[in-house]
Amino acid sequence: MNKNNKDTFTRSDIEKSLRKEFPDLTKSQISIAIEVILDSIIESVALDEKVEIRGFGTFSKKFIRPRRFTNPKTKKVSYIGETATMHFKPSKSLIKK
């Protein structure tokens, strides 16, 4: 993926790829486009909507049940209410790659 042989493909790597693909767009235009896409995914998932990108996967909100935990230092038992997290399910074609 990268020259540095790292396993992480970052936002700047995406920007570089898009600049090669669309040389007529400026760096700031590409950065704004990526920001709009990510913001719209985040906002939709926050509003309990699923975001499906065909051939890539589906983003959705996943709820984690309420649970209790014990502080290891004080041994005090506390409770965490239901929490939400973003969930990504890759498409079958993405898994095959």
N, C-alpha and C. Protein backbone atom coordinates (compact mmCIF):
# COMPACT_ATOMS: atom_id res chain seq x y z
N MET A 1 0.80 -1.19 0.00
CA MET A 1 0.00 0.00 0.00
C MET A 1 0.84 1.26 0.00
N ASN A 2 1.73 1.36 0.95
CA ASN A 2 2.54 2.56 1.11
C ASN A 2 4.01 2.27 0.89
N LYS A 3 4.76 3.34 0.72
CA LYS A 3 6.20 3.21 0.59
C LYS A 3 6.82 2.76 1.91
N ASN A 4 6.17 3.14 3.04
CA ASN A 4 6.71 2.85 4.36
C ASN A 4 6.44 1.43 4.82
N ASN A 5 5.77 0.61 4.00
CA ASN A 5 5.42 -0.76 4.35
C ASN A 5 4.60 -0.85 5.63
N LYS A 6 3.77 0.14 5.87
CA LYS A 6 2.90 0.07 7.04
C LYS A 6 1.56 -0.52 6.63
N ASP A 7 0.83 -1.06 7.60
CA ASP A 7 -0.42 -1.73 7.32
C ASP A 7 -1.63 -0.79 7.31
N THR A 8 -1.43 0.46 7.68
CA THR A 8 -2.54 1.40 7.79
C THR A 8 -2.64 2.27 6.55
N PHE A 9 -3.82 2.33 5.99
CA PHE A 9 -4.10 3.20 4.85
C PHE A 9 -4.83 4.41 5.41
N THR A 10 -4.18 5.56 5.42
CA THR A 10 -4.69 6.74 6.12
C THR A 10 -5.47 7.67 5.19
N ARG A 11 -6.06 8.68 5.80
CA ARG A 11 -6.80 9.69 5.04
C ARG A 11 -5.89 10.38 4.03
N SER A 12 -4.65 10.66 4.41
CA SER A 12 -3.73 11.31 3.48
C SER A 12 -3.40 10.40 2.30
N ASP A 13 -3.38 9.08 2.53
CA ASP A 13 -3.18 8.13 1.44
C ASP A 13 -4.36 8.18 0.47
N ILE A 14 -5.57 8.31 1.01
CA ILE A 14 -6.75 8.44 0.17
C ILE A 14 -6.66 9.71 -0.66
N GLU A 15 -6.26 10.80 -0.02
CA GLU A 15 -6.11 12.07 -0.73
C GLU A 15 -5.09 11.96 -1.86
N LYS A 16 -3.97 11.30 -1.60
CA LYS A 16 -2.95 11.12 -2.64
C LYS A 16 -3.48 10.32 -3.82
N SER A 17 -4.23 9.25 -3.51
CA SER A 17 -4.81 8.42 -4.57
C SER A 17 -5.80 9.22 -5.41
N LEU A 18 -6.61 10.01 -4.75
CA LEU A 18 -7.59 10.83 -5.48
C LEU A 18 -6.92 11.92 -6.30
N ARG A 19 -5.81 12.48 -5.81
CA ARG A 19 -5.09 13.49 -6.59
C ARG A 19 -4.51 12.90 -7.86
N LYS A 20 -4.04 11.64 -7.78
CA LYS A 20 -3.54 10.97 -8.99
C LYS A 20 -4.67 10.70 -9.97
N GLU A 21 -5.83 10.30 -9.45
CA GLU A 21 -6.99 9.97 -10.28
C GLU A 21 -7.64 11.21 -10.88
N PHE A 22 -7.65 12.32 -10.12
CA PHE A 22 -8.29 13.56 -10.55
C PHE A 22 -7.30 14.72 -10.42
N PRO A 23 -6.34 14.83 -11.33
CA PRO A 23 -5.30 15.87 -11.20
C PRO A 23 -5.82 17.30 -11.33
N ASP A 24 -7.02 17.47 -11.90
CA ASP A 24 -7.56 18.82 -12.06
C ASP A 24 -8.18 19.36 -10.77
N LEU A 25 -8.37 18.51 -9.76
CA LEU A 25 -8.91 18.97 -8.48
C LEU A 25 -7.77 19.39 -7.56
N THR A 26 -8.02 20.43 -6.77
CA THR A 26 -7.00 20.90 -5.83
C THR A 26 -7.00 20.02 -4.58
N LYS A 27 -5.92 20.15 -3.83
CA LYS A 27 -5.80 19.38 -2.59
C LYS A 27 -6.93 19.73 -1.63
N SER A 28 -7.29 21.01 -1.54
CA SER A 28 -8.35 21.42 -0.63
C SER A 28 -9.71 20.92 -1.10
N GLN A 29 -9.96 20.86 -2.41
CA GLN A 29 -11.23 20.33 -2.92
C GLN A 29 -11.38 18.85 -2.57
N ILE A 30 -10.30 18.11 -2.71
CA ILE A 30 -10.31 16.69 -2.38
C ILE A 30 -10.53 16.50 -0.88
N SER A 31 -9.85 17.30 -0.08
CA SER A 31 -9.98 17.21 1.37
C SER A 31 -11.41 17.53 1.81
N ILE A 32 -12.02 18.55 1.20
CA ILE A 32 -13.40 18.92 1.52
C ILE A 32 -14.35 17.79 1.12
N ALA A 33 -14.14 17.19 -0.04
CA ALA A 33 -15.00 16.10 -0.51
C ALA A 33 -14.95 14.91 0.45
N ILE A 34 -13.76 14.55 0.90
CA ILE A 34 -13.62 13.44 1.85
C ILE A 34 -14.32 13.80 3.16
N GLU A 35 -14.16 15.02 3.62
CA GLU A 35 -14.79 15.47 4.86
C GLU A 35 -16.32 15.39 4.77
N VAL A 36 -16.88 15.81 3.63
CA VAL A 36 -18.33 15.77 3.43
C VAL A 36 -18.83 14.33 3.44
N ILE A 37 -18.12 13.43 2.78
CA ILE A 37 -18.51 12.02 2.74
C ILE A 37 -18.49 11.42 4.14
N LEU A 38 -17.41 11.63 4.87
CA LEU A 38 -17.30 11.06 6.21
C LEU A 38 -18.33 11.65 7.16
N ASP A 39 -18.54 12.97 7.09
CA ASP A 39 -19.53 13.61 7.95
C ASP A 39 -20.94 13.10 7.67
N SER A 40 -21.26 12.87 6.40
CA SER A 40 -22.60 12.39 6.08
C SER A 40 -22.80 10.95 6.57
N ILE A 41 -21.76 10.12 6.51
CA ILE A 41 -21.85 8.75 7.04
C ILE A 41 -22.05 8.81 8.55
N ILE A 42 -21.25 9.61 9.23
CA ILE A 42 -21.32 9.71 10.69
C ILE A 42 -22.68 10.24 11.12
N GLU A 43 -23.16 11.28 10.46
CA GLU A 43 -24.45 11.87 10.82
C GLU A 43 -25.60 10.88 10.61
N SER A 44 -25.57 10.17 9.49
CA SER A 44 -26.63 9.20 9.21
C SER A 44 -26.65 8.07 10.23
N VAL A 45 -25.48 7.55 10.57
CA VAL A 45 -25.41 6.47 11.55
C VAL A 45 -25.85 6.98 12.93
N ALA A 46 -25.48 8.21 13.27
CA ALA A 46 -25.89 8.78 14.55
C ALA A 46 -27.41 8.90 14.63
N LEU A 47 -28.08 9.08 13.49
CA LEU A 47 -29.53 9.18 13.45
C LEU A 47 -30.19 7.80 13.26
N ASP A 48 -29.46 6.75 13.56
CA ASP A 48 -29.93 5.35 13.49
C ASP A 48 -30.25 4.89 12.07
N GLU A 49 -29.65 5.48 11.07
CA GLU A 49 -29.83 5.03 9.70
C GLU A 49 -28.65 4.14 9.32
N LYS A 50 -28.90 3.17 8.43
CA LYS A 50 -27.81 2.36 7.88
C LYS A 50 -27.26 3.07 6.66
N VAL A 51 -25.98 2.98 6.46
CA VAL A 51 -25.34 3.54 5.27
C VAL A 51 -24.73 2.37 4.51
N GLU A 52 -25.27 2.09 3.34
CA GLU A 52 -24.79 0.97 2.53
C GLU A 52 -24.05 1.50 1.31
N ILE A 53 -22.82 1.06 1.16
CA ILE A 53 -22.02 1.40 -0.01
C ILE A 53 -21.79 0.09 -0.74
N ARG A 54 -22.48 -0.08 -1.85
CA ARG A 54 -22.43 -1.35 -2.60
C ARG A 54 -20.99 -1.70 -2.96
N GLY A 55 -20.64 -2.94 -2.75
CA GLY A 55 -19.29 -3.41 -3.06
C GLY A 55 -18.28 -3.09 -1.98
N PHE A 56 -18.70 -2.36 -0.94
CA PHE A 56 -17.78 -2.00 0.15
C PHE A 56 -18.30 -2.53 1.47
N GLY A 57 -19.50 -2.09 1.88
CA GLY A 57 -20.05 -2.58 3.13
C GLY A 57 -21.13 -1.68 3.67
N THR A 58 -21.56 -1.98 4.90
CA THR A 58 -22.64 -1.25 5.54
C THR A 58 -22.20 -0.74 6.90
N PHE A 59 -22.46 0.54 7.16
CA PHE A 59 -22.20 1.15 8.45
C PHE A 59 -23.53 1.23 9.19
N SER A 60 -23.53 0.89 10.48
CA SER A 60 -24.75 1.00 11.27
C SER A 60 -24.37 1.25 12.72
N LYS A 61 -25.38 1.62 13.50
CA LYS A 61 -25.18 1.83 14.93
C LYS A 61 -25.48 0.52 15.64
N LYS A 62 -24.62 0.15 16.57
CA LYS A 62 -24.80 -1.08 17.33
C LYS A 62 -24.86 -0.69 18.81
N PHE A 63 -25.85 -1.23 19.48
CA PHE A 63 -26.01 -0.93 20.90
C PHE A 63 -25.36 -2.02 21.74
N ILE A 64 -24.69 -1.58 22.79
CA ILE A 64 -24.03 -2.50 23.72
C ILE A 64 -24.86 -2.51 25.00
N ARG A 65 -25.21 -3.69 25.45
CA ARG A 65 -26.10 -3.83 26.59
C ARG A 65 -25.53 -3.15 27.84
N PRO A 66 -26.42 -2.74 28.75
CA PRO A 66 -25.93 -2.19 30.02
C PRO A 66 -25.15 -3.28 30.77
N ARG A 67 -24.16 -2.89 31.52
CA ARG A 67 -23.35 -3.88 32.23
C ARG A 67 -22.75 -3.27 33.50
N ARG A 68 -22.29 -4.14 34.36
CA ARG A 68 -21.63 -3.67 35.58
C ARG A 68 -20.14 -3.94 35.46
N PHE A 69 -19.37 -3.15 36.17
CA PHE A 69 -17.93 -3.37 36.17
C PHE A 69 -17.39 -3.06 37.56
N THR A 70 -16.24 -3.62 37.86
CA THR A 70 -15.60 -3.40 39.15
C THR A 70 -14.28 -2.68 38.92
N ASN A 71 -14.10 -1.58 39.64
CA ASN A 71 -12.84 -0.86 39.57
C ASN A 71 -11.78 -1.71 40.27
N PRO A 72 -10.72 -2.11 39.54
CA PRO A 72 -9.72 -3.02 40.13
C PRO A 72 -8.99 -2.42 41.34
N LYS A 73 -8.83 -1.09 41.39
CA LYS A 73 -8.12 -0.48 42.51
C LYS A 73 -8.98 -0.39 43.76
N THR A 74 -10.20 0.13 43.58
CA THR A 74 -11.06 0.39 44.74
C THR A 74 -12.04 -0.74 45.02
N LYS A 75 -12.18 -1.67 44.10
CA LYS A 75 -13.14 -2.78 44.19
C LYS A 75 -14.59 -2.29 44.22
N LYS A 76 -14.78 -1.02 43.85
CA LYS A 76 -16.13 -0.46 43.82
C LYS A 76 -16.87 -0.96 42.58
N VAL A 77 -18.10 -1.39 42.75
CA VAL A 77 -18.92 -1.88 41.65
C VAL A 77 -19.72 -0.70 41.10
N SER A 78 -19.67 -0.52 39.79
CA SER A 78 -20.41 0.55 39.13
C SER A 78 -21.16 -0.03 37.94
N TYR A 79 -22.04 0.76 37.39
CA TYR A 79 -22.85 0.30 36.26
C TYR A 79 -22.72 1.27 35.09
N ILE A 80 -22.64 0.71 33.90
CA ILE A 80 -22.61 1.51 32.67
C ILE A 80 -23.94 1.25 31.97
N GLY A 81 -24.60 2.32 31.58
CA GLY A 81 -25.86 2.17 30.85
C GLY A 81 -25.59 1.68 29.44
N GLU A 82 -26.65 1.54 28.69
CA GLU A 82 -26.52 1.11 27.30
C GLU A 82 -25.70 2.14 26.53
N THR A 83 -24.74 1.68 25.76
CA THR A 83 -23.92 2.56 24.95
C THR A 83 -24.04 2.16 23.49
N ALA A 84 -23.69 3.09 22.62
CA ALA A 84 -23.77 2.83 21.19
C ALA A 84 -22.38 2.95 20.57
N THR A 85 -22.16 2.18 19.54
CA THR A 85 -20.91 2.24 18.80
C THR A 85 -21.20 2.07 17.31
N MET A 86 -20.27 2.48 16.47
CA MET A 86 -20.46 2.31 15.04
C MET A 86 -20.00 0.91 14.65
N HIS A 87 -20.79 0.27 13.81
CA HIS A 87 -20.49 -1.09 13.37
C HIS A 87 -20.33 -1.08 11.85
N PHE A 88 -19.34 -1.82 11.36
CA PHE A 88 -19.12 -1.93 9.92
C PHE A 88 -19.18 -3.40 9.53
N LYS A 89 -20.02 -3.71 8.55
CA LYS A 89 -20.11 -5.07 8.03
C LYS A 89 -19.64 -5.02 6.58
N PRO A 90 -18.49 -5.63 6.28
CA PRO A 90 -17.98 -5.59 4.90
C PRO A 90 -18.87 -6.39 3.95
N SER A 91 -18.89 -5.98 2.70
CA SER A 91 -19.66 -6.70 1.69
C SER A 91 -18.94 -8.00 1.33
N LYS A 92 -19.67 -8.91 0.73
CA LYS A 92 -19.07 -10.19 0.34
C LYS A 92 -17.93 -9.99 -0.66
N SER A 93 -18.10 -9.03 -1.58
CA SER A 93 -17.04 -8.81 -2.58
C SER A 93 -15.79 -8.21 -1.93
N LEU A 94 -15.96 -7.42 -0.87
CA LEU A 94 -14.80 -6.87 -0.17
C LEU A 94 -14.08 -7.99 0.59
N ILE A 95 -14.82 -8.90 1.17
CA ILE A 95 -14.22 -10.01 1.90
C ILE A 95 -13.40 -10.90 0.97
N LYS A 96 -13.91 -11.09 -0.27
CA LYS A 96 -13.18 -11.94 -1.23
C LYS A 96 -11.85 -11.34 -1.64
N LYS A 97 -11.74 -10.01 -1.64
CA LYS A 97 -10.50 -9.35 -2.02
C LYS A 97 -9.52 -9.48 -0.91
